Amino acid sequence: MALPPNKEDIVMNTIEIENAVARSSFMKYLSTFLKEDISCSPDIKNFLLIFNNEETSNVGIAPSYGEFHWIDKIKNNEFVVSYIEEGNPVGTSMELSGVVYFKRMKVSHPNLDILKEFIERAIEYKEKKENKKILVYRSSSKGYFENCGKVYAQDIDNNVYIPKDIKSSLISHIENFISPKTKERYLKYGRIYKTSIMLTGVPGSGKTSIVKAIASKYDRPVYVFNFTKELNDEGLINLMREIKNDSIILFEDIDAFFVDREPQKINISFSALLNVMDGIYGSTSGCITFITANNPDRLDSALIRPGRVDKIIKFDYPRKSEIKQAFDDMVEPDPNTNAPPVNFEEFYSHIKIIKITMAGIIDYLFRYYYDNLYITKINELIEQNQIYHDIINDKCDKLYS
């Protein structure tokens, strides 16, 4: 539904995108399609901003201030987009110019339903398009974080295969923590605005993957601590001061570095770690700290007491429901009409009485997803799993439920 030649002949509906985050997402949508096809906007050349992306070293383009037409080629509709910067001369004494500038973005179309659908789709596009990658920093022995670039992360809502009750509980905890009301409450009672979560359980249950998926969902960078012999208390403190607000902090396999209160082949004291957990060093407001541990019983109780660790989540071997979700997502039907249909129950019958991690199942299904190989190669999965358990001498007797 394109606009008629004379816009004055019709009544335009207009919606202003007031929320800054939504406005940023909408702009990202426009920029993405402009990069692919600049003809999305016939008059955009008059309102085009070209910039260098410091993170990727690529040249980017985005709409600048002005009013321009936008052709949504997905549904062949044309919109009028107004993006302006206004000044309000009611400045405070802190603004030297006496003018407060703010941005306004309005989108117009004759049909209100089409207009709403377009704006909602454009705003949600950022999450679907971009949140597969997260920015990761890893600590160095010299007391600073190295930028590891952007890495892919799983979508916690669709392809992180953990029990639904655990996933719901984790997301609920984080949603409550990041709400403005919770932040106000922390400030009201003089508490450091932070939260800490311990993820524990069998190796390969997806603890680190969940952390990255959470970072992707909430669009936060991840700071990973890498304990080495060279890193001491002073270096740890310096690292904490580098972390930006509203980030995710990850201490992986903490039980490998401390038994009770004793450090294991590292030069970081237990007291320094406790002070870090308490948020004494740095100004990391709004940060979510994750600690992973395969054997939390090795840790001193002071590290995981309430108030220092707010939530503990324990993972076990996957249940049938999670295995089926992974199977349905990863195994593809054979296009050959004579091939046997995909059969989860047959696959599950071979593994239901053995202990195998979700990481092992996903790796296997990733490789043998076609031509019924997930059945014909099943002995390989079982044998490799047995070798793994022989190596780690796993004495857990729990089976699948």
Protein backbone atom coordinates (compact mmCIF):
# COMPACT_ATOMS: atom_id res chain seq x y z
CA MET A 1 0.00 0.00 0.00
CA ALA A 2 2.08 2.91 -1.28
CA LEU A 3 1.29 6.52 -0.56
CA PRO A 4 -0.66 8.37 -3.29
CA PRO A 5 1.17 11.07 -5.25
CA ASN A 6 -0.48 13.83 -3.27
CA LYS A 7 -0.16 13.22 0.47
CA GLU A 8 -2.54 16.05 1.22
CA ASP A 9 -5.42 13.97 -0.18
CA ILE A 10 -5.29 11.48 2.68
CA VAL A 11 -5.27 11.53 6.45
CA MET A 12 -2.01 10.27 7.91
CA ASN A 13 -1.76 8.41 11.20
CA THR A 14 1.39 9.20 13.16
CA ILE A 15 3.10 7.35 16.01
CA GLU A 16 6.04 8.80 17.92
CA ILE A 17 8.68 6.35 19.15
CA GLU A 18 9.43 7.92 22.51
CA ASN A 19 11.42 5.19 24.26
CA ALA A 20 15.16 5.63 23.62
CA VAL A 21 15.86 1.89 23.44
CA ALA A 22 12.98 1.33 21.01
CA ARG A 23 14.13 4.29 18.94
CA SER A 24 17.63 2.84 18.77
CA SER A 25 16.25 -0.53 17.67
CA PHE A 26 14.11 1.13 14.99
CA MET A 27 17.14 3.03 13.68
CA LYS A 28 19.14 -0.18 13.60
CA TYR A 29 16.41 -1.75 11.47
CA LEU A 30 16.53 1.11 8.97
CA SER A 31 20.34 1.05 8.88
CA THR A 32 20.45 -2.69 8.24
CA PHE A 33 18.16 -2.48 5.22
CA LEU A 34 19.86 0.64 3.89
CA LYS A 35 23.14 -1.24 3.84
CA GLU A 36 21.54 -4.01 1.78
CA ASP A 37 19.53 -1.79 -0.55
CA ILE A 38 19.68 1.99 -0.42
CA SER A 39 16.60 2.19 -2.66
CA CYS A 40 14.52 1.46 0.45
CA SER A 41 14.32 5.22 0.71
CA PRO A 42 14.23 7.24 -2.54
CA ASP A 43 15.18 10.50 -0.80
CA ILE A 44 17.45 9.13 1.96
CA LYS A 45 20.59 10.43 0.24
CA ASN A 46 19.71 13.88 1.55
CA PHE A 47 19.55 12.58 5.13
CA LEU A 48 22.33 10.00 5.27
CA LEU A 49 24.94 9.57 7.98
CA ILE A 50 28.10 7.60 7.14
CA PHE A 51 30.27 6.46 10.05
CA ASN A 52 33.09 4.09 11.00
CA ASN A 53 32.23 1.24 13.35
CA GLU A 54 35.16 1.06 15.78
CA GLU A 55 34.28 -2.45 16.97
CA THR A 56 34.19 -4.06 13.52
CA SER A 57 36.28 -1.55 11.52
CA ASN A 58 33.44 -1.50 8.96
CA VAL A 59 31.82 1.53 7.39
CA GLY A 60 28.18 1.91 8.41
CA ILE A 61 25.29 4.04 7.25
CA ALA A 62 22.27 5.33 9.12
CA PRO A 63 19.51 7.90 8.65
CA SER A 64 20.41 11.39 9.83
CA TYR A 65 17.98 14.11 10.92
CA GLY A 66 15.18 15.06 8.55
CA GLU A 67 11.95 13.76 7.02
CA PHE A 68 12.12 11.06 4.39
CA HIS A 69 10.07 8.31 2.77
CA TRP A 70 10.72 4.70 3.65
CA ILE A 71 9.66 1.73 1.51
CA ASP A 72 9.17 -1.42 3.54
CA LYS A 73 10.04 -4.01 0.90
CA ILE A 74 8.97 -6.91 3.09
CA LYS A 75 5.30 -5.93 2.76
CA ASN A 76 5.57 -3.23 0.07
CA ASN A 77 4.29 -0.35 2.18
CA GLU A 78 5.59 3.20 2.17
CA PHE A 79 5.96 5.33 5.30
CA VAL A 80 7.03 8.84 6.18
CA VAL A 81 9.75 8.96 8.83
CA SER A 82 10.55 12.16 10.70
CA TYR A 83 13.74 12.19 12.76
CA ILE A 84 14.55 15.53 14.36
CA GLU A 85 16.57 17.01 17.19
CA GLU A 86 14.85 19.70 19.20
CA GLY A 87 16.23 22.12 21.74
CA ASN A 88 14.43 23.10 24.90
CA PRO A 89 15.71 26.40 26.28
CA VAL A 90 14.79 25.43 29.83
CA GLY A 91 18.26 24.17 30.67
CA THR A 92 19.70 23.75 34.13
CA SER A 93 22.80 25.42 35.49
CA MET A 94 24.73 22.27 34.62
CA GLU A 95 24.17 22.84 30.91
CA LEU A 96 26.52 25.59 29.86
CA SER A 97 24.52 26.36 26.74
CA GLY A 98 21.26 26.64 28.64
CA VAL A 99 19.61 24.35 26.08
CA VAL A 100 18.61 20.72 26.49
CA TYR A 101 18.55 18.79 23.21
CA PHE A 102 16.42 15.71 22.72
CA LYS A 103 15.59 13.48 19.77
CA ARG A 104 12.14 12.80 18.35
CA MET A 105 11.20 10.14 15.86
CA LYS A 106 7.77 9.91 14.25
CA VAL A 107 6.47 7.45 11.67
CA SER A 108 3.35 8.06 9.56
CA HIS A 109 1.07 5.99 7.33
CA PRO A 110 -2.63 6.20 6.32
CA ASN A 111 -3.47 2.80 7.85
CA LEU A 112 -3.00 2.67 11.62
CA ASP A 113 -2.82 -1.14 11.80
CA ILE A 114 -0.13 -1.27 9.09
CA LEU A 115 1.74 1.49 10.90
CA LYS A 116 1.68 -0.31 14.25
CA GLU A 117 2.74 -3.62 12.71
CA PHE A 118 5.68 -2.01 10.91
CA ILE A 119 6.97 -0.22 14.00
CA GLU A 120 6.65 -3.31 16.21
CA ARG A 121 8.39 -5.50 13.63
CA ALA A 122 11.20 -2.98 13.17
CA ILE A 123 11.81 -2.61 16.90
CA GLU A 124 11.84 -6.38 17.47
CA TYR A 125 14.15 -6.90 14.49
CA LYS A 126 17.24 -5.88 16.46
CA GLU A 127 16.77 -8.75 18.90
CA LYS A 128 16.28 -11.31 16.17
CA LYS A 129 19.08 -10.02 13.97
CA GLU A 130 21.77 -8.92 16.39
CA ASN A 131 21.41 -10.70 19.70
CA LYS A 132 23.13 -13.83 18.42
CA LYS A 133 26.47 -12.19 19.16
CA ILE A 134 27.83 -10.84 22.42
CA LEU A 135 30.92 -8.84 23.27
CA VAL A 136 33.36 -10.80 25.46
CA TYR A 137 36.32 -9.56 27.47
CA ARG A 138 38.78 -11.95 29.12
CA SER A 139 41.13 -11.00 31.93
CA SER A 140 44.87 -11.03 31.35
CA SER A 141 47.59 -11.81 33.88
CA LYS A 142 48.75 -8.18 33.61
CA GLY A 143 45.63 -6.77 35.20
CA TYR A 144 43.53 -5.64 32.27
CA PHE A 145 40.77 -7.11 30.08
CA GLU A 146 41.45 -8.16 26.51
CA ASN A 147 38.69 -7.61 23.97
CA CYS A 148 37.87 -11.02 22.47
CA GLY A 149 35.44 -9.50 19.99
CA LYS A 150 31.91 -10.67 19.41
CA VAL A 151 31.05 -14.35 19.73
CA TYR A 152 27.88 -16.25 18.94
CA ALA A 153 25.47 -17.02 21.76
CA GLN A 154 22.44 -19.27 21.86
CA ASP A 155 18.90 -17.99 22.17
CA ILE A 156 17.80 -18.83 25.70
CA ASP A 157 14.13 -18.84 24.68
CA ASN A 158 14.54 -21.35 21.86
CA ASN A 159 17.76 -23.37 21.84
CA VAL A 160 19.06 -23.56 25.39
CA TYR A 161 17.87 -26.97 26.48
CA ILE A 162 17.33 -26.83 30.23
CA PRO A 163 14.21 -27.58 32.32
CA LYS A 164 11.50 -24.98 31.81
CA ASP A 165 11.11 -24.36 35.54
CA ILE A 166 14.83 -23.59 35.89
CA LYS A 167 14.81 -21.32 32.85
CA SER A 168 11.71 -19.49 34.08
CA SER A 169 13.15 -19.06 37.58
CA LEU A 170 16.44 -17.67 36.24
CA ILE A 171 14.81 -15.21 33.84
CA SER A 172 12.34 -14.10 36.52
CA HIS A 173 15.19 -13.37 38.93
CA ILE A 174 17.03 -11.27 36.35
CA GLU A 175 13.91 -9.44 35.17
CA ASN A 176 13.15 -8.51 38.76
CA PHE A 177 16.72 -7.34 39.35
CA ILE A 178 16.92 -5.07 36.29
CA SER A 179 13.53 -3.42 36.89
CA PRO A 180 13.69 0.31 37.80
CA LYS A 181 11.67 -0.37 40.94
CA THR A 182 14.28 -2.83 42.22
CA LYS A 183 17.10 -0.41 41.50
CA GLU A 184 15.31 2.31 43.45
CA ARG A 185 14.90 -0.08 46.37
CA TYR A 186 18.63 -0.89 46.41
CA LEU A 187 19.45 2.82 46.47
CA LYS A 188 16.85 3.53 49.13
CA TYR A 189 18.39 1.03 51.54
CA GLY A 190 21.98 1.86 50.68
CA ARG A 191 22.80 -1.51 49.15
CA ILE A 192 25.19 -2.05 46.26
CA TYR A 193 23.09 -2.63 43.15
CA LYS A 194 24.32 -6.06 42.07
CA THR A 195 23.24 -9.67 42.04
CA SER A 196 25.18 -12.94 42.03
CA ILE A 197 24.07 -16.33 40.74
CA MET A 198 25.82 -19.68 41.17
CA LEU A 199 25.37 -22.33 38.48
CA THR A 200 26.39 -25.78 39.61
CA GLY A 201 26.00 -29.38 38.51
CA VAL A 202 27.46 -31.94 36.16
CA PRO A 203 30.01 -30.82 33.53
CA GLY A 204 28.50 -30.29 30.09
CA SER A 205 25.08 -29.31 31.38
CA GLY A 206 25.27 -25.90 29.68
CA LYS A 207 26.28 -23.57 32.50
CA THR A 208 28.55 -21.33 30.41
CA SER A 209 26.14 -21.43 27.45
CA ILE A 210 23.38 -20.12 29.69
CA VAL A 211 25.53 -17.18 30.79
CA LYS A 212 26.20 -16.22 27.17
CA ALA A 213 22.52 -16.66 26.30
CA ILE A 214 21.52 -14.34 29.15
CA ALA A 215 24.07 -11.79 27.90
CA SER A 216 22.51 -12.03 24.45
CA LYS A 217 18.95 -11.69 25.72
CA TYR A 218 19.71 -8.57 27.74
CA ASP A 219 22.34 -7.15 25.38
CA ARG A 220 25.17 -7.03 27.93
CA PRO A 221 28.92 -7.55 27.55
CA VAL A 222 30.57 -10.43 29.42
CA TYR A 223 33.75 -10.06 31.48
CA VAL A 224 35.37 -13.46 32.04
CA PHE A 225 37.94 -13.90 34.79
CA ASN A 226 40.88 -16.13 33.93
CA PHE A 227 42.83 -16.97 37.09
CA THR A 228 46.55 -17.49 36.45
CA LYS A 229 49.64 -17.69 38.66
CA GLU A 230 50.62 -14.19 37.54
CA LEU A 231 47.34 -12.59 38.64
CA ASN A 232 47.40 -11.36 42.24
CA ASP A 233 45.02 -9.46 44.51
CA GLU A 234 46.09 -6.08 43.16
CA GLY A 235 45.55 -7.23 39.59
CA LEU A 236 42.12 -8.58 40.51
CA ILE A 237 41.15 -5.24 42.02
CA ASN A 238 42.35 -3.37 38.93
CA LEU A 239 40.30 -5.69 36.73
CA MET A 240 37.14 -5.01 38.73
CA ARG A 241 37.63 -1.28 38.23
CA GLU A 242 37.64 -1.77 34.46
CA ILE A 243 34.21 -3.39 34.33
CA LYS A 244 31.41 -1.17 33.04
CA ASN A 245 28.03 -0.82 34.70
CA ASP A 246 25.24 -3.19 33.65
CA SER A 247 27.64 -5.92 32.55
CA ILE A 248 27.83 -9.64 33.20
CA ILE A 249 30.78 -10.95 35.22
CA LEU A 250 31.73 -14.62 34.94
CA PHE A 251 33.92 -16.67 37.28
CA GLU A 252 34.16 -20.10 35.65
CA ASP A 253 34.90 -23.33 37.56
CA ILE A 254 35.65 -21.48 40.78
CA ASP A 255 35.94 -24.81 42.62
CA ALA A 256 39.08 -25.57 40.59
CA PHE A 257 40.86 -22.58 42.15
CA PHE A 258 39.75 -22.76 45.79
CA VAL A 259 39.28 -25.67 48.18
CA ASP A 260 37.62 -24.34 51.30
CA ARG A 261 39.55 -21.06 51.70
CA GLU A 262 42.83 -22.23 50.21
CA PRO A 263 43.83 -21.02 46.71
CA GLN A 264 44.99 -23.78 44.37
CA LYS A 265 48.12 -22.80 42.41
CA ILE A 266 46.99 -19.17 42.09
CA ASN A 267 48.05 -15.98 43.87
CA ILE A 268 44.62 -14.60 44.70
CA SER A 269 43.53 -14.67 48.33
CA PHE A 270 40.13 -15.90 49.41
CA SER A 271 39.46 -12.60 51.20
CA ALA A 272 40.10 -10.65 47.98
CA LEU A 273 37.61 -12.85 46.16
CA LEU A 274 35.00 -12.24 48.88
CA ASN A 275 35.53 -8.48 48.61
CA VAL A 276 35.06 -8.71 44.85
CA MET A 277 31.83 -10.65 45.34
CA ASP A 278 30.63 -7.99 47.77
CA GLY A 279 31.19 -5.25 45.19
CA ILE A 280 33.70 -3.36 47.32
CA TYR A 281 36.05 -2.66 44.41
CA GLY A 282 34.94 -0.63 41.41
CA SER A 283 31.59 0.96 40.66
CA THR A 284 29.94 -1.94 38.87
CA SER A 285 26.35 -0.85 39.39
CA GLY A 286 23.76 -3.12 37.82
CA CYS A 287 26.18 -5.99 37.19
CA ILE A 288 25.09 -9.63 37.22
CA THR A 289 27.81 -11.99 38.46
CA PHE A 290 27.74 -15.67 37.55
CA ILE A 291 29.86 -18.27 39.35
CA THR A 292 30.06 -21.78 37.91
CA ALA A 293 31.19 -24.79 39.92
CA ASN A 294 31.02 -28.51 39.24
CA ASN A 295 31.76 -29.38 42.89
CA PRO A 296 30.45 -26.59 45.14
CA ASP A 297 30.97 -28.76 48.23
CA ARG A 298 34.69 -27.97 47.90
CA LEU A 299 34.02 -24.27 48.51
CA ASP A 300 33.91 -22.51 51.84
CA SER A 301 30.35 -21.65 52.83
CA ALA A 302 31.30 -17.98 53.22
CA LEU A 303 31.55 -17.67 49.43
CA ILE A 304 28.00 -18.79 48.74
CA ARG A 305 26.14 -17.50 51.77
CA PRO A 306 22.87 -15.56 51.21
CA GLY A 307 23.58 -11.93 50.42
CA ARG A 308 26.80 -12.82 48.66
CA VAL A 309 25.15 -15.29 46.30
CA ASP A 310 21.48 -14.49 45.73
CA LYS A 311 20.47 -17.57 43.76
CA ILE A 312 21.86 -21.08 43.30
CA ILE A 313 20.78 -23.18 40.33
CA LYS A 314 21.72 -26.85 40.12
CA PHE A 315 21.82 -28.73 36.82
CA ASP A 316 21.63 -32.48 36.36
CA TYR A 317 21.63 -34.84 33.41
CA PRO A 318 18.91 -33.83 30.93
CA ARG A 319 15.39 -35.13 31.16
CA LYS A 320 13.45 -36.62 28.30
CA SER A 321 11.61 -33.37 27.58
CA GLU A 322 14.85 -31.41 27.05
CA ILE A 323 16.36 -34.16 24.91
CA LYS A 324 13.24 -34.20 22.73
CA GLN A 325 13.38 -30.44 22.28
CA ALA A 326 16.99 -30.66 21.11
CA PHE A 327 16.16 -33.62 18.86
CA ASP A 328 13.20 -31.84 17.24
CA ASP A 329 15.30 -28.73 16.60
CA MET A 330 18.37 -30.46 15.18
CA VAL A 331 17.28 -33.61 13.33
CA GLU A 332 16.01 -32.99 9.81
CA PRO A 333 13.53 -35.24 7.98
CA ASP A 334 15.03 -37.13 5.05
CA PRO A 335 13.73 -35.65 1.74
CA ASN A 336 13.75 -39.17 0.29
CA THR A 337 10.16 -40.38 0.51
CA ASN A 338 11.33 -43.97 0.98
CA ALA A 339 13.39 -43.11 4.04
CA PRO A 340 12.01 -43.97 7.48
CA PRO A 341 10.39 -41.08 9.34
CA VAL A 342 12.27 -39.28 12.09
CA ASN A 343 11.74 -41.27 15.27
CA PHE A 344 12.64 -39.69 18.60
CA GLU A 345 11.33 -42.58 20.68
CA GLU A 346 13.66 -45.01 18.95
CA PHE A 347 16.61 -42.71 19.54
CA TYR A 348 15.68 -42.17 23.18
CA SER A 349 15.26 -45.90 23.82
CA HIS A 350 19.00 -46.35 23.24
CA ILE A 351 20.16 -43.69 25.69
CA LYS A 352 17.52 -43.46 28.41
CA ILE A 353 19.36 -45.78 30.81
CA ILE A 354 22.77 -44.11 30.53
CA LYS A 355 24.11 -40.86 31.94
CA ILE A 356 24.96 -38.46 29.16
CA THR A 357 25.25 -34.70 29.25
CA MET A 358 23.28 -32.32 27.09
CA ALA A 359 26.56 -31.16 25.55
CA GLY A 360 27.22 -34.74 24.40
CA ILE A 361 23.73 -35.10 22.93
CA ILE A 362 23.87 -31.78 21.09
CA ASP A 363 27.30 -32.52 19.64
CA TYR A 364 26.12 -35.92 18.43
CA LEU A 365 22.88 -34.64 16.87
CA PHE A 366 24.75 -31.75 15.27
CA ARG A 367 26.92 -34.23 13.35
CA TYR A 368 24.37 -36.99 12.67
CA TYR A 369 21.18 -35.10 11.90
CA TYR A 370 20.32 -36.67 8.52
CA ASP A 371 19.81 -40.00 6.72
CA ASN A 372 18.82 -41.74 9.95
CA LEU A 373 22.46 -41.54 11.10
CA TYR A 374 21.33 -40.60 14.60
CA ILE A 375 20.24 -44.26 14.89
CA THR A 376 22.88 -46.06 12.86
CA LYS A 377 25.71 -44.25 14.68
CA ILE A 378 24.24 -44.63 18.16
CA ASN A 379 26.95 -47.03 19.34
CA GLU A 380 29.52 -44.31 18.76
CA LEU A 381 27.63 -42.02 21.12
CA ILE A 382 27.36 -44.71 23.78
CA GLU A 383 31.02 -45.73 23.51
CA GLN A 384 32.32 -42.17 23.62
CA ASN A 385 30.13 -41.44 26.61
CA GLN A 386 31.49 -44.49 28.44
CA ILE A 387 35.08 -43.41 27.75
CA TYR A 388 34.26 -39.97 29.12
CA HIS A 389 32.83 -41.39 32.34
CA ASP A 390 35.78 -43.73 32.74
CA ILE A 391 38.10 -40.74 32.54
CA ILE A 392 36.30 -38.57 35.06
CA ASN A 393 35.37 -41.58 37.23
CA ASP A 394 31.86 -40.28 37.65
CA LYS A 395 30.20 -42.10 40.55
CA CYS A 396 26.79 -40.48 40.29
CA ASP A 397 24.07 -43.13 40.10
CA LYS A 398 21.28 -40.81 38.97
CA LEU A 399 19.62 -41.80 35.69
CA TYR A 400 17.21 -39.99 33.43
CA SER A 401 13.77 -39.34 34.81
